[in-house]
Structure formats: structure tokens, C-alpha cells
Amino acid sequence: MGLGVGFVVLAAFFWGLSGGIGGILMADGWDAFVVSFYRGAIGLLFVLAWLAWQPRGSGLASGRLWIWSAVAGLGVAGNFAFYFVSIAHGSVAVAATLMYCAPVFVYLVSFALKLETPTALKLVAIAVVMVGIVLLTQIYDTDAGGVTLIGAGAGLLAGLSYAVFIFGFKYAGSHGSPQAVLSIAFGVLVILLMLPGDNTQMVAALSTPDWPLFAALGVFGAGLSFAFYINGLRHTAPAVASIVAMIEPVTATLFGVALLHESLAFVQTVGMALILVTVTALSVSSRAAPPALVRERDSE
């Protein structure tokens, strides 16, 4: 149990760190899609190495594995890209917190597909999260500054995209191994993010002095983090993992404040607290939350 929690802690910490690293790169003029592309491309190298190291039970002969993994790829591509777009038009703290709303989108999709039964408590919790989003983004105050509509919208789309990734990964996981699913998903991500990315910057990134930051972003934000998270969930209760996952937005926020000189108004801090506490409670109370990434037979 202790080792499993430690892996989840590391994964959440690395994801939070990746937001800060991406913020530094974009502050240096790098395009959000280029940053997202290299995060996924380097992550792809890691999961391919993982697949080669543990090829048993990959399920790569299954057509359904490929279809659902491609869906997961669409989700993770959107998650990475919208997350960094949100940072570019707002702040690391706001983007990370809005993305943390992913379980709310999982609930809404589950309600629509009748996979989850709406209850008064769940609906109230979702309403509280919405209030938190309004306070965090301050969309009611056009003079507040700091977070644009693009930044707020992209942050929410990052959370929605992560919800798509969760569903795709969950259904693909019943047909193959996590490393096989991630290999296909990251492959789809690389193809998709080559299109909107700045071609000149794509090439320039290979020889830029900022390359160590790109490497760190891919290694920590997509390579080691996903491997740690998935393996950690095999030895960690979903409720515990959901609580520990709060480390991601907290780490991202601290990184933004310490190194990017970002700040939050008191009202925004209240909104962030409402979101983090409520989403964590929702995640703990339902298996629709992100810890569903691991197949049931893998956690036995």
C-alpha cells in the first residue's frame, strides 16, 4: 500500500510540475501545440519501451483495443493541448484546477449514457464546482483581468478531454495491457498535434537551448508519470488515489507562484478550494473518477 501511494504521489507531482515547465516554455515564446506535441512524443518513446519490456497480454491483435485506444488518444491529445492553451491565456494555477474538474465531466457523460444514476448529493456537488469555476475564473468581472474567456474555456475543455481519455482507456483496458493502450493513444496524439503545431518551431525545438525543458516535460509529464500512476493504482485504493491526486493542481499552483510570479485573488483562492474539495469528494465516492484507468483484473 505504501509503495502504491508513493507512485501515485510521484505521478501527481510530475503532472503538476509539467504545467509549470510548459508555462516556462510558452513564456519563452514556444507555441502551446508544439509544447504539447513534444510532451506526447517523448511520452510515446517511454510507453513503447515499457511495451517492449512487458509485451505479454498486449492485446494488439484486438480491433476493439485499437478503436478504444484511438478514442483515448483523442482525449489525451485534447487534454495536453487545451491545458497549455489555457496556461498561455491564463495561469498555471487556473488551468490545472479547471482540468481537475474532469470527474465532473465523467459524471455528466455517465448521466447522459445512463451509466450513473443522478442523486441530489451529486447534483449539488456539481453545482458547487460550477460556482467554484465562476469564482476561480472571475468571468463575472470583466475588469478582473488575468484569465481570458479562451483561457477558461480551454481549461474546461482540457478537463472534458481528460474525461474522454478516461472512457477510452477504460474500455480499451478490457482488451489489452495499459502499456499497449498508451502506446496507441500517444501515437494518435503525435499524429494529431503535428497538424496545428508551428512547423518552424517543431524543427527548431530539436536544437534549441530549451531542449532540456522539453525533455523534462516529456519524461515527467507523460513518460514516468503515467507509468507510476497506473502501477500505483494496482496497489492503492481508488479513494486514496483520488485524494492524493490533489497534489497535481497544488503543485502546479505553487510552481506558478514561485517561478512564474503568478498570483490569485482571495475570491479565486476560494473558488479553487471549492473545486478541489468537492471534486475530490466526488472522486472518492464513485468509480467514475480517474482511478478507473486500471483494469479490474490488474488490481486484483
Protein backbone atom coordinates (compact mmCIF):
# COMPACT_ATOMS: atom_id res chain seq x y z
CA MET A 1 0.00 0.00 0.00
CA GLY A 2 2.78 2.43 0.91
CA LEU A 3 4.65 1.88 -2.37
CA GLY A 4 1.43 2.26 -4.37
CA VAL A 5 0.57 5.57 -2.72
CA GLY A 6 4.14 6.72 -3.30
CA PHE A 7 3.83 6.02 -7.03
CA VAL A 8 0.54 7.97 -7.23
CA VAL A 9 2.11 10.86 -5.31
CA LEU A 10 5.02 10.95 -7.77
CA ALA A 11 2.67 10.83 -10.77
CA ALA A 12 0.52 13.69 -9.47
CA PHE A 13 3.62 15.70 -8.57
CA PHE A 14 5.10 15.18 -12.04
CA TRP A 15 1.84 16.20 -13.72
CA GLY A 16 1.76 19.37 -11.64
CA LEU A 17 5.41 20.00 -12.48
CA SER A 18 4.69 19.60 -16.19
CA GLY A 19 2.26 22.52 -16.09
CA GLY A 20 4.97 24.76 -14.69
CA ILE A 21 7.57 23.58 -17.20
CA GLY A 22 5.11 24.17 -20.03
CA GLY A 23 4.44 27.65 -18.64
CA ILE A 24 8.15 28.47 -18.75
CA LEU A 25 8.46 27.25 -22.35
CA MET A 26 5.47 29.27 -23.52
CA ALA A 27 6.78 32.33 -21.68
CA ASP A 28 9.90 31.87 -23.84
CA GLY A 29 7.72 32.08 -26.96
CA TRP A 30 7.05 28.42 -27.74
CA ASP A 31 3.66 27.56 -29.24
CA ALA A 32 1.26 25.64 -26.96
CA PHE A 33 0.74 22.93 -29.59
CA VAL A 34 4.50 22.46 -30.06
CA VAL A 35 4.93 22.09 -26.30
CA SER A 36 2.04 19.58 -26.21
CA PHE A 37 3.47 17.65 -29.16
CA TYR A 38 6.87 17.11 -27.57
CA ARG A 39 5.31 16.19 -24.25
CA GLY A 40 3.37 13.42 -26.01
CA ALA A 41 6.14 12.38 -28.40
CA ILE A 42 8.67 11.81 -25.62
CA GLY A 43 5.96 10.05 -23.60
CA LEU A 44 5.38 7.76 -26.59
CA LEU A 45 9.04 6.67 -26.52
CA PHE A 46 8.66 5.73 -22.86
CA VAL A 47 5.47 3.70 -23.23
CA LEU A 48 6.88 1.91 -26.30
CA ALA A 49 9.90 0.92 -24.20
CA TRP A 50 7.51 -0.25 -21.46
CA LEU A 51 5.55 -2.29 -24.02
CA ALA A 52 8.77 -3.88 -25.33
CA TRP A 53 9.84 -4.71 -21.78
CA GLN A 54 6.44 -6.25 -20.86
CA PRO A 55 4.86 -7.45 -24.12
CA ARG A 56 2.70 -10.20 -22.60
CA GLY A 57 -1.06 -9.71 -22.85
CA SER A 58 -0.72 -6.62 -25.00
CA GLY A 59 -3.90 -7.39 -26.96
CA LEU A 60 -2.55 -5.62 -30.04
CA ALA A 61 -4.35 -8.15 -32.26
CA SER A 62 -7.72 -6.87 -30.99
CA GLY A 63 -9.54 -4.41 -33.21
CA ARG A 64 -11.52 -3.08 -30.27
CA LEU A 65 -8.28 -2.30 -28.44
CA TRP A 66 -7.20 -0.10 -31.34
CA ILE A 67 -10.56 1.66 -31.63
CA TRP A 68 -10.90 2.50 -27.94
CA SER A 69 -7.20 3.36 -27.67
CA ALA A 70 -7.66 5.82 -30.54
CA VAL A 71 -10.53 7.40 -28.60
CA ALA A 72 -8.20 7.65 -25.60
CA GLY A 73 -5.63 9.24 -27.91
CA LEU A 74 -8.12 11.90 -29.00
CA GLY A 75 -8.77 12.61 -25.33
CA VAL A 76 -5.15 12.86 -24.24
CA ALA A 77 -4.26 15.00 -27.29
CA GLY A 78 -7.04 17.42 -26.40
CA ASN A 79 -6.08 17.34 -22.75
CA PHE A 80 -2.43 18.23 -23.37
CA ALA A 81 -3.18 20.89 -25.99
CA PHE A 82 -6.07 22.64 -24.24
CA TYR A 83 -4.19 22.57 -20.93
CA PHE A 84 -1.26 24.51 -22.36
CA VAL A 85 -3.54 26.85 -24.32
CA SER A 86 -5.28 27.60 -21.02
CA ILE A 87 -1.94 28.32 -19.35
CA ALA A 88 -0.95 30.61 -22.24
CA HIS A 89 -4.18 32.61 -21.86
CA GLY A 90 -4.46 32.50 -18.10
CA SER A 91 -2.23 30.92 -15.49
CA VAL A 92 -0.88 27.54 -14.44
CA ALA A 93 -2.97 27.56 -11.26
CA VAL A 94 -6.27 28.24 -13.04
CA ALA A 95 -5.56 25.80 -15.89
CA ALA A 96 -4.59 22.96 -13.54
CA THR A 97 -7.61 23.49 -11.31
CA LEU A 98 -10.05 23.65 -14.23
CA MET A 99 -8.54 20.47 -15.66
CA TYR A 100 -9.04 18.84 -12.26
CA CYS A 101 -12.79 19.18 -12.93
CA ALA A 102 -12.54 16.12 -15.22
CA PRO A 103 -14.52 13.85 -12.83
CA VAL A 104 -17.47 16.26 -13.12
CA PHE A 105 -17.49 15.74 -16.88
CA VAL A 106 -17.23 11.97 -16.30
CA TYR A 107 -20.35 12.22 -14.15
CA LEU A 108 -22.25 14.25 -16.74
CA VAL A 109 -21.33 11.82 -19.53
CA SER A 110 -22.24 8.90 -17.26
CA PHE A 111 -25.61 10.52 -16.55
CA ALA A 112 -26.24 11.03 -20.28
CA LEU A 113 -25.31 7.42 -21.09
CA LYS A 114 -27.25 6.15 -18.06
CA LEU A 115 -24.11 4.57 -16.64
CA GLU A 116 -24.52 6.51 -13.40
CA THR A 117 -27.69 7.44 -11.51
CA PRO A 118 -28.04 11.15 -10.66
CA THR A 119 -28.64 11.85 -6.98
CA ALA A 120 -29.37 15.07 -5.14
CA LEU A 121 -25.93 14.94 -3.49
CA LYS A 122 -24.10 14.52 -6.79
CA LEU A 123 -26.06 17.31 -8.46
CA VAL A 124 -25.38 19.67 -5.54
CA ALA A 125 -21.69 18.79 -5.70
CA ILE A 126 -21.59 19.56 -9.43
CA ALA A 127 -23.36 22.88 -8.78
CA VAL A 128 -20.76 23.75 -6.13
CA VAL A 129 -17.98 23.01 -8.63
CA MET A 130 -19.64 25.33 -11.15
CA VAL A 131 -19.73 28.09 -8.53
CA GLY A 132 -16.05 27.43 -7.86
CA ILE A 133 -15.28 27.74 -11.57
CA VAL A 134 -17.05 31.11 -11.73
CA LEU A 135 -15.10 32.39 -8.72
CA LEU A 136 -11.78 31.00 -9.93
CA THR A 137 -12.02 32.41 -13.45
CA GLN A 138 -13.83 35.62 -12.39
CA ILE A 139 -15.76 35.57 -15.66
CA TYR A 140 -18.37 37.79 -13.98
CA ASP A 141 -15.83 40.63 -13.68
CA THR A 142 -14.50 41.92 -17.00
CA ASP A 143 -12.13 44.26 -15.16
CA ALA A 144 -10.53 41.50 -13.06
CA GLY A 145 -8.03 40.53 -15.78
CA GLY A 146 -5.68 37.57 -15.66
CA VAL A 147 -7.96 34.86 -17.07
CA THR A 148 -9.46 35.32 -20.53
CA LEU A 149 -12.50 33.51 -21.86
CA ILE A 150 -10.13 31.49 -24.06
CA GLY A 151 -8.08 30.52 -21.00
CA ALA A 152 -11.16 29.50 -19.01
CA GLY A 153 -12.74 27.66 -21.91
CA ALA A 154 -9.54 25.83 -22.80
CA GLY A 155 -9.09 24.75 -19.17
CA LEU A 156 -12.58 23.26 -19.10
CA LEU A 157 -12.01 21.60 -22.47
CA ALA A 158 -8.82 20.08 -21.04
CA GLY A 159 -10.94 18.52 -18.31
CA LEU A 160 -13.54 17.36 -20.82
CA SER A 161 -10.81 15.85 -22.98
CA TYR A 162 -9.41 14.01 -19.98
CA ALA A 163 -12.89 12.58 -19.39
CA VAL A 164 -12.82 11.26 -22.98
CA PHE A 165 -9.39 9.75 -22.28
CA ILE A 166 -10.75 8.06 -19.14
CA PHE A 167 -13.62 6.41 -21.01
CA GLY A 168 -11.43 5.38 -23.94
CA PHE A 169 -8.75 3.97 -21.65
CA LYS A 170 -11.31 2.15 -19.52
CA TYR A 171 -12.91 0.32 -22.43
CA ALA A 172 -9.61 -0.32 -24.22
CA GLY A 173 -8.17 -1.73 -20.99
CA SER A 174 -10.51 -4.71 -21.13
CA HIS A 175 -8.90 -5.78 -24.41
CA GLY A 176 -5.20 -5.30 -23.68
CA SER A 177 -2.45 -4.06 -21.39
CA PRO A 178 -2.13 -0.45 -20.18
CA GLN A 179 1.19 -0.03 -21.97
CA ALA A 180 -0.34 -1.15 -25.27
CA VAL A 181 -3.28 1.23 -24.85
CA LEU A 182 -0.97 4.14 -24.01
CA SER A 183 1.31 3.35 -26.95
CA ILE A 184 -1.59 3.62 -29.39
CA ALA A 185 -3.07 6.64 -27.59
CA PHE A 186 0.20 8.59 -27.62
CA GLY A 187 0.76 7.59 -31.25
CA VAL A 188 -2.61 9.13 -32.14
CA LEU A 189 -1.67 12.21 -30.10
CA VAL A 190 1.57 12.69 -32.02
CA ILE A 191 -0.22 12.48 -35.37
CA LEU A 192 -2.97 14.89 -34.33
CA LEU A 193 -0.73 17.52 -32.77
CA MET A 194 1.62 17.64 -35.76
CA LEU A 195 -1.16 19.36 -37.73
CA PRO A 196 -1.83 22.52 -35.68
CA GLY A 197 1.75 22.94 -34.44
CA ASP A 198 4.10 25.59 -35.85
CA ASN A 199 6.32 23.65 -38.28
CA THR A 200 9.23 26.04 -37.87
CA GLN A 201 9.15 25.67 -34.10
CA MET A 202 8.75 21.89 -34.39
CA VAL A 203 12.14 21.71 -36.11
CA ALA A 204 13.76 24.45 -34.04
CA ALA A 205 12.88 22.64 -30.80
CA LEU A 206 15.31 19.85 -31.70
CA SER A 207 18.32 22.12 -31.38
CA THR A 208 17.11 24.84 -29.02
CA PRO A 209 18.85 25.64 -25.72
CA ASP A 210 15.40 24.99 -24.21
CA TRP A 211 15.63 21.32 -25.21
CA PRO A 212 16.33 20.14 -21.63
CA LEU A 213 12.98 21.66 -20.61
CA PHE A 214 11.21 19.85 -23.46
CA ALA A 215 12.90 16.61 -22.40
CA ALA A 216 11.91 17.11 -18.75
CA LEU A 217 8.34 17.88 -19.81
CA GLY A 218 8.06 14.64 -21.78
CA VAL A 219 9.88 12.46 -19.26
CA PHE A 220 8.00 13.69 -16.21
CA GLY A 221 4.72 14.86 -17.76
CA ALA A 222 3.95 11.88 -19.99
CA GLY A 223 6.53 9.12 -19.55
CA LEU A 224 7.24 8.36 -15.91
CA SER A 225 4.03 9.93 -14.60
CA PHE A 226 1.64 7.61 -16.47
CA ALA A 227 3.73 4.54 -15.65
CA PHE A 228 3.88 5.49 -11.95
CA TYR A 229 0.15 6.28 -11.81
CA ILE A 230 -1.02 3.07 -13.43
CA ASN A 231 1.31 0.87 -11.40
CA GLY A 232 0.47 2.80 -8.23
CA LEU A 233 -3.25 2.21 -8.69
CA ARG A 234 -2.66 -1.54 -8.67
CA HIS A 235 -1.70 -1.26 -5.00
CA THR A 236 -3.76 1.74 -3.91
CA ALA A 237 -7.43 2.10 -3.04
CA PRO A 238 -9.22 4.36 -5.57
CA ALA A 239 -10.42 6.67 -2.77
CA VAL A 240 -6.86 7.20 -1.56
CA ALA A 241 -5.62 7.79 -5.11
CA SER A 242 -8.33 10.41 -5.67
CA ILE A 243 -7.27 12.36 -2.60
CA VAL A 244 -3.58 12.09 -3.45
CA ALA A 245 -4.31 13.38 -6.97
CA MET A 246 -4.95 16.82 -5.44
CA ILE A 247 -1.17 17.15 -5.38
CA GLU A 248 -1.26 17.94 -9.12
CA PRO A 249 -3.15 21.28 -9.04
CA VAL A 250 -1.49 22.24 -5.76
CA THR A 251 1.99 21.58 -7.21
CA ALA A 252 1.13 23.46 -10.39
CA THR A 253 -0.14 26.41 -8.37
CA LEU A 254 2.95 26.58 -6.17
CA PHE A 255 5.18 26.30 -9.24
CA GLY A 256 3.32 29.16 -10.93
CA VAL A 257 3.54 31.38 -7.86
CA ALA A 258 7.21 30.63 -7.11
CA LEU A 259 8.76 30.62 -10.59
CA LEU A 260 6.29 32.34 -12.90
CA HIS A 261 5.32 35.08 -10.43
CA GLU A 262 1.60 34.31 -10.76
CA SER A 263 -0.90 35.27 -8.10
CA LEU A 264 -4.51 34.57 -7.18
CA ALA A 265 -7.06 36.95 -5.69
CA PHE A 266 -8.81 35.87 -2.48
CA VAL A 267 -12.03 35.11 -4.38
CA GLN A 268 -10.08 32.93 -6.82
CA THR A 269 -8.50 31.04 -3.91
CA VAL A 270 -11.97 30.38 -2.50
CA GLY A 271 -13.09 29.09 -5.89
CA MET A 272 -10.06 26.83 -6.15
CA ALA A 273 -10.74 25.40 -2.69
CA LEU A 274 -14.39 24.71 -3.58
CA ILE A 275 -13.35 22.87 -6.73
CA LEU A 276 -10.55 20.80 -5.19
CA VAL A 277 -12.51 19.71 -2.12
CA THR A 278 -15.74 18.95 -3.99
CA VAL A 279 -14.14 17.14 -6.92
CA THR A 280 -12.03 15.06 -4.54
CA ALA A 281 -15.17 14.10 -2.60
CA LEU A 282 -16.89 13.13 -5.85
CA SER A 283 -13.89 11.07 -6.93
CA VAL A 284 -13.77 9.26 -3.61
CA SER A 285 -17.47 8.39 -3.74
CA SER A 286 -17.59 7.00 -7.28
CA ARG A 287 -15.66 4.64 -9.54
CA ALA A 288 -16.39 7.01 -12.42
CA ALA A 289 -13.37 9.04 -11.34
CA PRO A 290 -9.92 8.91 -12.99
CA PRO A 291 -8.67 5.90 -10.94
CA ALA A 292 -10.74 3.71 -13.30
CA LEU A 293 -7.68 3.82 -15.55
CA VAL A 294 -6.58 0.38 -14.43
CA ARG A 295 -8.39 -2.76 -15.45
CA GLU A 296 -10.15 -4.61 -12.65
CA ARG A 297 -8.14 -7.75 -13.26
CA ASP A 298 -4.93 -5.75 -12.94
CA SER A 299 -5.87 -4.59 -9.45
CA GLU A 300 -6.75 -7.99 -8.09
